Amino acid sequence: MAEPNARNPETQTDRRSPPGMPRWVKVTSIAIGILLLVFLILQLSGIAGQHGPGRHMSLDGYSSGAATTWAVAPATVE
């Protein structure tokens, strides 16, 4: 039996690998990974500040009224 030889195409076996991931999938995955990493670092370091539903609530559990102040305050035109 003849050994596979690069010079003899008749003895080569067809060992093609399946196609790899498209470039756009790789780039998108890397970009999402970087964004998640930055988000995680900002959240854990405290640089991003306090976020969440508790940020807009007062200590007694009701709204602080900051949003209603703007809606109720009359506009003065001089």
PDB file of N, CA and C in Angstrom:
ATOM      1  N   MET A   1       0.846  -1.173   0.000  1.00  0.00           N
ATOM      2  CA  MET A   1       0.000   0.000   0.000  1.00  0.00           C
ATOM      3  C   MET A   1       0.890   1.234   0.000  1.00  0.00           C
ATOM      4  N   ALA A   2       0.548   2.146  -0.807  1.00  0.00           N
ATOM      5  CA  ALA A   2       1.331   3.379  -0.912  1.00  0.00           C
ATOM      6  C   ALA A   2       0.948   4.350   0.205  1.00  0.00           C
ATOM      7  N   GLU A   3       1.942   5.027   0.718  1.00  0.00           N
ATOM      8  CA  GLU A   3       1.673   6.016   1.769  1.00  0.00           C
ATOM      9  C   GLU A   3       1.169   7.306   1.148  1.00  0.00           C
ATOM     10  N   PRO A   4       0.324   8.067   1.890  1.00  0.00           N
ATOM     11  CA  PRO A   4      -0.145   9.349   1.371  1.00  0.00           C
ATOM     12  C   PRO A   4       1.035  10.266   1.111  1.00  0.00           C
ATOM     13  N   ASN A   5       1.012  10.893  -0.009  1.00  0.00           N
ATOM     14  CA  ASN A   5       2.110  11.749  -0.413  1.00  0.00           C
ATOM     15  C   ASN A   5       1.527  13.063  -0.909  1.00  0.00           C
ATOM     16  N   ALA A   6       2.146  14.150  -0.524  1.00  0.00           N
ATOM     17  CA  ALA A   6       1.655  15.459  -0.938  1.00  0.00           C
ATOM     18  C   ALA A   6       1.795  15.647  -2.440  1.00  0.00           C
ATOM     19  N   ARG A   7       2.708  14.937  -3.044  1.00  0.00           N
ATOM     20  CA  ARG A   7       2.935  15.101  -4.480  1.00  0.00           C
ATOM     21  C   ARG A   7       1.991  14.234  -5.322  1.00  0.00           C
ATOM     22  N   ASN A   8       1.421  13.218  -4.728  1.00  0.00           N
ATOM     23  CA  ASN A   8       0.554  12.307  -5.456  1.00  0.00           C
ATOM     24  C   ASN A   8      -0.889  12.491  -4.963  1.00  0.00           C
ATOM     25  N   PRO A   9      -1.723  13.205  -5.717  1.00  0.00           N
ATOM     26  CA  PRO A   9      -3.088  13.466  -5.250  1.00  0.00           C
ATOM     27  C   PRO A   9      -3.951  12.213  -5.186  1.00  0.00           C
ATOM     28  N   GLU A  10      -3.586  11.147  -5.860  1.00  0.00           N
ATOM     29  CA  GLU A  10      -4.383   9.934  -5.829  1.00  0.00           C
ATOM     30  C   GLU A  10      -4.280   9.221  -4.485  1.00  0.00           C
ATOM     31  N   THR A  11      -3.188   9.399  -3.767  1.00  0.00           N
ATOM     32  CA  THR A  11      -3.007   8.704  -2.497  1.00  0.00           C
ATOM     33  C   THR A  11      -3.417   9.566  -1.297  1.00  0.00           C
ATOM     34  N   GLN A  12      -3.775  10.793  -1.524  1.00  0.00           N
ATOM     35  CA  GLN A  12      -4.188  11.653  -0.412  1.00  0.00           C
ATOM     36  C   GLN A  12      -5.621  11.337  -0.016  1.00  0.00           C
ATOM     37  N   THR A  13      -5.862  11.340   1.270  1.00  0.00           N
ATOM     38  CA  THR A  13      -7.229  11.167   1.749  1.00  0.00           C
ATOM     39  C   THR A  13      -7.868  12.543   1.888  1.00  0.00           C
ATOM     40  N   ASP A  14      -9.165  12.582   1.758  1.00  0.00           N
ATOM     41  CA  ASP A  14      -9.885  13.845   1.842  1.00  0.00           C
ATOM     42  C   ASP A  14     -10.167  14.146   3.315  1.00  0.00           C
ATOM     43  N   ARG A  15      -9.326  14.933   3.923  1.00  0.00           N
ATOM     44  CA  ARG A  15      -9.466  15.255   5.351  1.00  0.00           C
ATOM     45  C   ARG A  15      -9.749  16.749   5.530  1.00  0.00           C
ATOM     46  N   ARG A  16     -10.694  17.234   4.827  1.00  0.00           N
ATOM     47  CA  ARG A  16     -11.042  18.653   4.966  1.00  0.00           C
ATOM     48  C   ARG A  16     -11.799  18.863   6.263  1.00  0.00           C
ATOM     49  N   SER A  17     -11.447  19.925   6.956  1.00  0.00           N
ATOM     50  CA  SER A  17     -12.160  20.247   8.186  1.00  0.00           C
ATOM     51  C   SER A  17     -13.388  21.079   7.834  1.00  0.00           C
ATOM     52  N   PRO A  18     -14.381  21.050   8.682  1.00  0.00           N
ATOM     53  CA  PRO A  18     -15.572  21.859   8.404  1.00  0.00           C
ATOM     54  C   PRO A  18     -15.197  23.344   8.417  1.00  0.00           C
ATOM     55  N   PRO A  19     -15.945  24.155   7.708  1.00  0.00           N
ATOM     56  CA  PRO A  19     -15.605  25.580   7.665  1.00  0.00           C
ATOM     57  C   PRO A  19     -15.681  26.193   9.058  1.00  0.00           C
ATOM     58  N   GLY A  20     -14.805  27.155   9.313  1.00  0.00           N
ATOM     59  CA  GLY A  20     -14.781  27.813  10.614  1.00  0.00           C
ATOM     60  C   GLY A  20     -15.896  28.841  10.748  1.00  0.00           C
ATOM     61  N   MET A  21     -15.914  29.493  11.895  1.00  0.00           N
ATOM     62  CA  MET A  21     -16.915  30.528  12.126  1.00  0.00           C
ATOM     63  C   MET A  21     -16.665  31.712  11.189  1.00  0.00           C
ATOM     64  N   PRO A  22     -17.727  32.351  10.728  1.00  0.00           N
ATOM     65  CA  PRO A  22     -17.548  33.549   9.909  1.00  0.00           C
ATOM     66  C   PRO A  22     -16.895  34.676  10.717  1.00  0.00           C
ATOM     67  N   ARG A  23     -16.245  35.560  10.026  1.00  0.00           N
ATOM     68  CA  ARG A  23     -15.533  36.659  10.687  1.00  0.00           C
ATOM     69  C   ARG A  23     -16.486  37.541  11.484  1.00  0.00           C
ATOM     70  N   TRP A  24     -17.693  37.799  10.963  1.00  0.00           N
ATOM     71  CA  TRP A  24     -18.612  38.688  11.666  1.00  0.00           C
ATOM     72  C   TRP A  24     -19.058  38.078  12.994  1.00  0.00           C
ATOM     73  N   VAL A  25     -19.126  36.761  13.065  1.00  0.00           N
ATOM     74  CA  VAL A  25     -19.500  36.108  14.325  1.00  0.00           C
ATOM     75  C   VAL A  25     -18.379  36.285  15.344  1.00  0.00           C
ATOM     76  N   LYS A  26     -17.145  36.126  14.903  1.00  0.00           N
ATOM     77  CA  LYS A  26     -16.007  36.296  15.804  1.00  0.00           C
ATOM     78  C   LYS A  26     -15.915  37.734  16.314  1.00  0.00           C
ATOM     79  N   VAL A  27     -16.055  38.701  15.397  1.00  0.00           N
ATOM     80  CA  VAL A  27     -15.948  40.114  15.778  1.00  0.00           C
ATOM     81  C   VAL A  27     -17.081  40.503  16.728  1.00  0.00           C
ATOM     82  N   THR A  28     -18.293  40.056  16.429  1.00  0.00           N
ATOM     83  CA  THR A  28     -19.429  40.362  17.293  1.00  0.00           C
ATOM     84  C   THR A  28     -19.250  39.734  18.672  1.00  0.00           C
ATOM     85  N   SER A  29     -18.779  38.515  18.721  1.00  0.00           N
ATOM     86  CA  SER A  29     -18.557  37.844  20.010  1.00  0.00           C
ATOM     87  C   SER A  29     -17.507  38.570  20.842  1.00  0.00           C
ATOM     88  N   ILE A  30     -16.441  38.986  20.196  1.00  0.00           N
ATOM     89  CA  ILE A  30     -15.386  39.708  20.918  1.00  0.00           C
ATOM     90  C   ILE A  30     -15.910  41.051  21.419  1.00  0.00           C
ATOM     91  N   ALA A  31     -16.673  41.767  20.594  1.00  0.00           N
ATOM     92  CA  ALA A  31     -17.213  43.066  20.997  1.00  0.00           C
ATOM     93  C   ALA A  31     -18.173  42.927  22.173  1.00  0.00           C
ATOM     94  N   ILE A  32     -19.046  41.940  22.133  1.00  0.00           N
ATOM     95  CA  ILE A  32     -19.983  41.715  23.241  1.00  0.00           C
ATOM     96  C   ILE A  32     -19.219  41.325  24.504  1.00  0.00           C
ATOM     97  N   GLY A  33     -18.209  40.500  24.357  1.00  0.00           N
ATOM     98  CA  GLY A  33     -17.399  40.107  25.509  1.00  0.00           C
ATOM     99  C   GLY A  33     -16.702  41.301  26.146  1.00  0.00           C
ATOM    100  N   ILE A  34     -16.161  42.199  25.322  1.00  0.00           N
ATOM    101  CA  ILE A  34     -15.490  43.390  25.850  1.00  0.00           C
ATOM    102  C   ILE A  34     -16.490  44.297  26.561  1.00  0.00           C
ATOM    103  N   LEU A  35     -17.678  44.497  25.965  1.00  0.00           N
ATOM    104  CA  LEU A  35     -18.692  45.331  26.606  1.00  0.00           C
ATOM    105  C   LEU A  35     -19.146  44.749  27.940  1.00  0.00           C
ATOM    106  N   LEU A  36     -19.329  43.449  27.989  1.00  0.00           N
ATOM    107  CA  LEU A  36     -19.714  42.812  29.259  1.00  0.00           C
ATOM    108  C   LEU A  36     -18.613  42.938  30.307  1.00  0.00           C
ATOM    109  N   LEU A  37     -17.373  42.805  29.883  1.00  0.00           N
ATOM    110  CA  LEU A  37     -16.249  42.944  30.797  1.00  0.00           C
ATOM    111  C   LEU A  37     -16.164  44.366  31.353  1.00  0.00           C
ATOM    112  N   VAL A  38     -16.331  45.366  30.487  1.00  0.00           N
ATOM    113  CA  VAL A  38     -16.310  46.765  30.942  1.00  0.00           C
ATOM    114  C   VAL A  38     -17.472  47.024  31.902  1.00  0.00           C
ATOM    115  N   PHE A  39     -18.656  46.534  31.574  1.00  0.00           N
ATOM    116  CA  PHE A  39     -19.815  46.699  32.455  1.00  0.00           C
ATOM    117  C   PHE A  39     -19.563  46.074  33.817  1.00  0.00           C
ATOM    118  N   LEU A  40     -19.013  44.878  33.824  1.00  0.00           N
ATOM    119  CA  LEU A  40     -18.732  44.187  35.075  1.00  0.00           C
ATOM    120  C   LEU A  40     -17.706  44.944  35.914  1.00  0.00           C
ATOM    121  N   ILE A  41     -16.650  45.431  35.266  1.00  0.00           N
ATOM    122  CA  ILE A  41     -15.624  46.191  35.987  1.00  0.00           C
ATOM    123  C   ILE A  41     -16.216  47.465  36.575  1.00  0.00           C
ATOM    124  N   LEU A  42     -17.045  48.178  35.801  1.00  0.00           N
ATOM    125  CA  LEU A  42     -17.656  49.410  36.298  1.00  0.00           C
ATOM    126  C   LEU A  42     -18.590  49.137  37.474  1.00  0.00           C
ATOM    127  N   GLN A  43     -19.345  48.066  37.396  1.00  0.00           N
ATOM    128  CA  GLN A  43     -20.271  47.750  38.480  1.00  0.00           C
ATOM    129  C   GLN A  43     -19.535  47.334  39.754  1.00  0.00           C
ATOM    130  N   LEU A  44     -18.507  46.519  39.610  1.00  0.00           N
ATOM    131  CA  LEU A  44     -17.788  46.033  40.786  1.00  0.00           C
ATOM    132  C   LEU A  44     -16.905  47.102  41.415  1.00  0.00           C
ATOM    133  N   SER A  45     -16.412  48.043  40.614  1.00  0.00           N
ATOM    134  CA  SER A  45     -15.534  49.079  41.149  1.00  0.00           C
ATOM    135  C   SER A  45     -16.313  50.246  41.752  1.00  0.00           C
ATOM    136  N   GLY A  46     -17.581  50.387  41.413  1.00  0.00           N
ATOM    137  CA  GLY A  46     -18.379  51.484  41.945  1.00  0.00           C
ATOM    138  C   GLY A  46     -18.287  52.749  41.113  1.00  0.00           C
ATOM    139  N   ILE A  47     -17.537  52.728  40.036  1.00  0.00           N
ATOM    140  CA  ILE A  47     -17.407  53.910  39.185  1.00  0.00           C
ATOM    141  C   ILE A  47     -18.743  54.243  38.524  1.00  0.00           C
ATOM    142  N   ALA A  48     -19.533  53.243  38.212  1.00  0.00           N
ATOM    143  CA  ALA A  48     -20.795  53.455  37.507  1.00  0.00           C
ATOM    144  C   ALA A  48     -21.852  54.077  38.414  1.00  0.00           C
ATOM    145  N   GLY A  49     -21.658  54.093  39.715  1.00  0.00           N
ATOM    146  CA  GLY A  49     -22.638  54.664  40.633  1.00  0.00           C
ATOM    147  C   GLY A  49     -23.702  53.656  41.009  1.00  0.00           C
ATOM    148  N   GLN A  50     -24.588  54.092  41.845  1.00  0.00           N
ATOM    149  CA  GLN A  50     -25.673  53.234  42.317  1.00  0.00           C
ATOM    150  C   GLN A  50     -26.819  53.282  41.324  1.00  0.00           C
ATOM    151  N   HIS A  51     -27.231  52.133  40.819  1.00  0.00           N
ATOM    152  CA  HIS A  51     -28.334  52.050  39.889  1.00  0.00           C
ATOM    153  C   HIS A  51     -29.338  51.036  40.400  1.00  0.00           C
ATOM    154  N   GLY A  52     -30.550  51.167  39.957  1.00  0.00           N
ATOM    155  CA  GLY A  52     -31.585  50.223  40.334  1.00  0.00           C
ATOM    156  C   GLY A  52     -32.807  50.948  40.822  1.00  0.00           C
ATOM    157  N   PRO A  53     -33.854  50.212  41.146  1.00  0.00           N
ATOM    158  CA  PRO A  53     -35.105  50.849  41.559  1.00  0.00           C
ATOM    159  C   PRO A  53     -34.979  51.600  42.882  1.00  0.00           C
ATOM    160  N   GLY A  54     -34.093  51.195  43.749  1.00  0.00           N
ATOM    161  CA  GLY A  54     -33.925  51.871  45.029  1.00  0.00           C
ATOM    162  C   GLY A  54     -33.335  53.261  44.906  1.00  0.00           C
ATOM    163  N   ARG A  55     -32.740  53.560  43.802  1.00  0.00           N
ATOM    164  CA  ARG A  55     -32.123  54.870  43.597  1.00  0.00           C
ATOM    165  C   ARG A  55     -33.175  55.974  43.539  1.00  0.00           C
ATOM    166  N   HIS A  56     -34.375  55.646  43.084  1.00  0.00           N
ATOM    167  CA  HIS A  56     -35.417  56.642  42.903  1.00  0.00           C
ATOM    168  C   HIS A  56     -36.457  56.605  44.018  1.00  0.00           C
ATOM    169  N   MET A  57     -36.175  55.905  45.070  1.00  0.00           N
ATOM    170  CA  MET A  57     -37.126  55.791  46.171  1.00  0.00           C
ATOM    171  C   MET A  57     -36.567  56.484  47.402  1.00  0.00           C
ATOM    172  N   SER A  58     -37.457  57.018  48.224  1.00  0.00           N
ATOM    173  CA  SER A  58     -37.019  57.607  49.479  1.00  0.00           C
ATOM    174  C   SER A  58     -36.919  56.498  50.526  1.00  0.00           C
ATOM    175  N   LEU A  59     -36.521  56.841  51.716  1.00  0.00           N
ATOM    176  CA  LEU A  59     -36.352  55.832  52.755  1.00  0.00           C
ATOM    177  C   LEU A  59     -37.668  55.220  53.207  1.00  0.00           C
ATOM    178  N   ASP A  60     -38.783  55.964  53.095  1.00  0.00           N
ATOM    179  CA  ASP A  60     -40.067  55.420  53.532  1.00  0.00           C
ATOM    180  C   ASP A  60     -40.742  54.559  52.463  1.00  0.00           C
ATOM    181  N   GLY A  61     -40.116  54.410  51.297  1.00  0.00           N
ATOM    182  CA  GLY A  61     -40.644  53.528  50.275  1.00  0.00           C
ATOM    183  C   GLY A  61     -41.496  54.226  49.227  1.00  0.00           C
ATOM    184  N   TYR A  62     -41.723  55.518  49.391  1.00  0.00           N
ATOM    185  CA  TYR A  62     -42.508  56.252  48.412  1.00  0.00           C
ATOM    186  C   TYR A  62     -41.591  57.106  47.554  1.00  0.00           C
ATOM    187  N   SER A  63     -42.118  57.565  46.440  1.00  0.00           N
ATOM    188  CA  SER A  63     -41.329  58.377  45.528  1.00  0.00           C
ATOM    189  C   SER A  63     -40.905  59.670  46.220  1.00  0.00           C
ATOM    190  N   SER A  64     -39.737  60.152  45.891  1.00  0.00           N
ATOM    191  CA  SER A  64     -39.211  61.363  46.512  1.00  0.00           C
ATOM    192  C   SER A  64     -39.936  62.610  46.034  1.00  0.00           C
ATOM    193  N   GLY A  65     -40.696  62.492  44.959  1.00  0.00           N
ATOM    194  CA  GLY A  65     -41.447  63.630  44.470  1.00  0.00           C
ATOM    195  C   GLY A  65     -40.669  64.490  43.497  1.00  0.00           C
ATOM    196  N   ALA A  66     -39.457  64.133  43.179  1.00  0.00           N
ATOM    197  CA  ALA A  66     -38.649  64.944  42.277  1.00  0.00           C
ATOM    198  C   ALA A  66     -39.289  65.019  40.892  1.00  0.00           C
ATOM    199  N   ALA A  67     -39.873  63.932  40.430  1.00  0.00           N
ATOM    200  CA  ALA A  67     -40.478  63.950  39.106  1.00  0.00           C
ATOM    201  C   ALA A  67     -41.770  64.752  39.095  1.00  0.00           C
ATOM    202  N   THR A  68     -42.547  64.716  40.196  1.00  0.00           N
ATOM    203  CA  THR A  68     -43.809  65.456  40.231  1.00  0.00           C
ATOM    204  C   THR A  68     -43.573  66.946  40.427  1.00  0.00           C
ATOM    205  N   THR A  69     -42.436  67.342  40.984  1.00  0.00           N
ATOM    206  CA  THR A  69     -42.136  68.756  41.177  1.00  0.00           C
ATOM    207  C   THR A  69     -42.075  69.464  39.832  1.00  0.00           C
ATOM    208  N   TRP A  70     -41.486  68.844  38.849  1.00  0.00           N
ATOM    209  CA  TRP A  70     -41.376  69.459  37.528  1.00  0.00           C
ATOM    210  C   TRP A  70     -42.743  69.557  36.862  1.00  0.00           C
ATOM    211  N   ALA A  71     -43.598  68.574  37.043  1.00  0.00           N
ATOM    212  CA  ALA A  71     -44.900  68.575  36.390  1.00  0.00           C
ATOM    213  C   ALA A  71     -45.843  69.588  37.030  1.00  0.00           C
ATOM    214  N   VAL A  72     -45.695  69.890  38.323  1.00  0.00           N
ATOM    215  CA  VAL A  72     -46.619  70.751  39.030  1.00  0.00           C
ATOM    216  C   VAL A  72     -46.157  72.195  39.013  1.00  0.00           C
ATOM    217  N   ALA A  73     -44.868  72.420  38.936  1.00  0.00           N
ATOM    218  CA  ALA A  73     -44.341  73.770  39.018  1.00  0.00           C
ATOM    219  C   ALA A  73     -44.797  74.595  37.815  1.00  0.00           C
ATOM    220  N   PRO A  74     -45.398  75.779  38.080  1.00  0.00           N
ATOM    221  CA  PRO A  74     -45.859  76.617  36.972  1.00  0.00           C
ATOM    222  C   PRO A  74     -44.686  77.317  36.295  1.00  0.00           C
ATOM    223  N   ALA A  75     -44.815  77.521  35.029  1.00  0.00           N
ATOM    224  CA  ALA A  75     -43.783  78.228  34.273  1.00  0.00           C
ATOM    225  C   ALA A  75     -44.065  79.721  34.335  1.00  0.00           C
ATOM    226  N   THR A  76     -43.058  80.501  34.625  1.00  0.00           N
ATOM    227  CA  THR A  76     -43.225  81.959  34.684  1.00  0.00           C
ATOM    228  C   THR A  76     -42.558  82.560  33.459  1.00  0.00           C
ATOM    229  N   VAL A  77     -43.320  83.361  32.749  1.00  0.00           N
ATOM    230  CA  VAL A  77     -42.798  84.007  31.557  1.00  0.00           C
ATOM    231  C   VAL A  77     -42.807  85.511  31.811  1.00  0.00           C
ATOM    232  N   GLU A  78     -41.691  86.131  31.654  1.00  0.00           N
ATOM    233  CA  GLU A  78     -41.620  87.574  31.875  1.00  0.00           C
ATOM    234  C   GLU A  78     -41.217  88.285  30.622  1.00  0.00           C
TER     235      GLU A  78
END
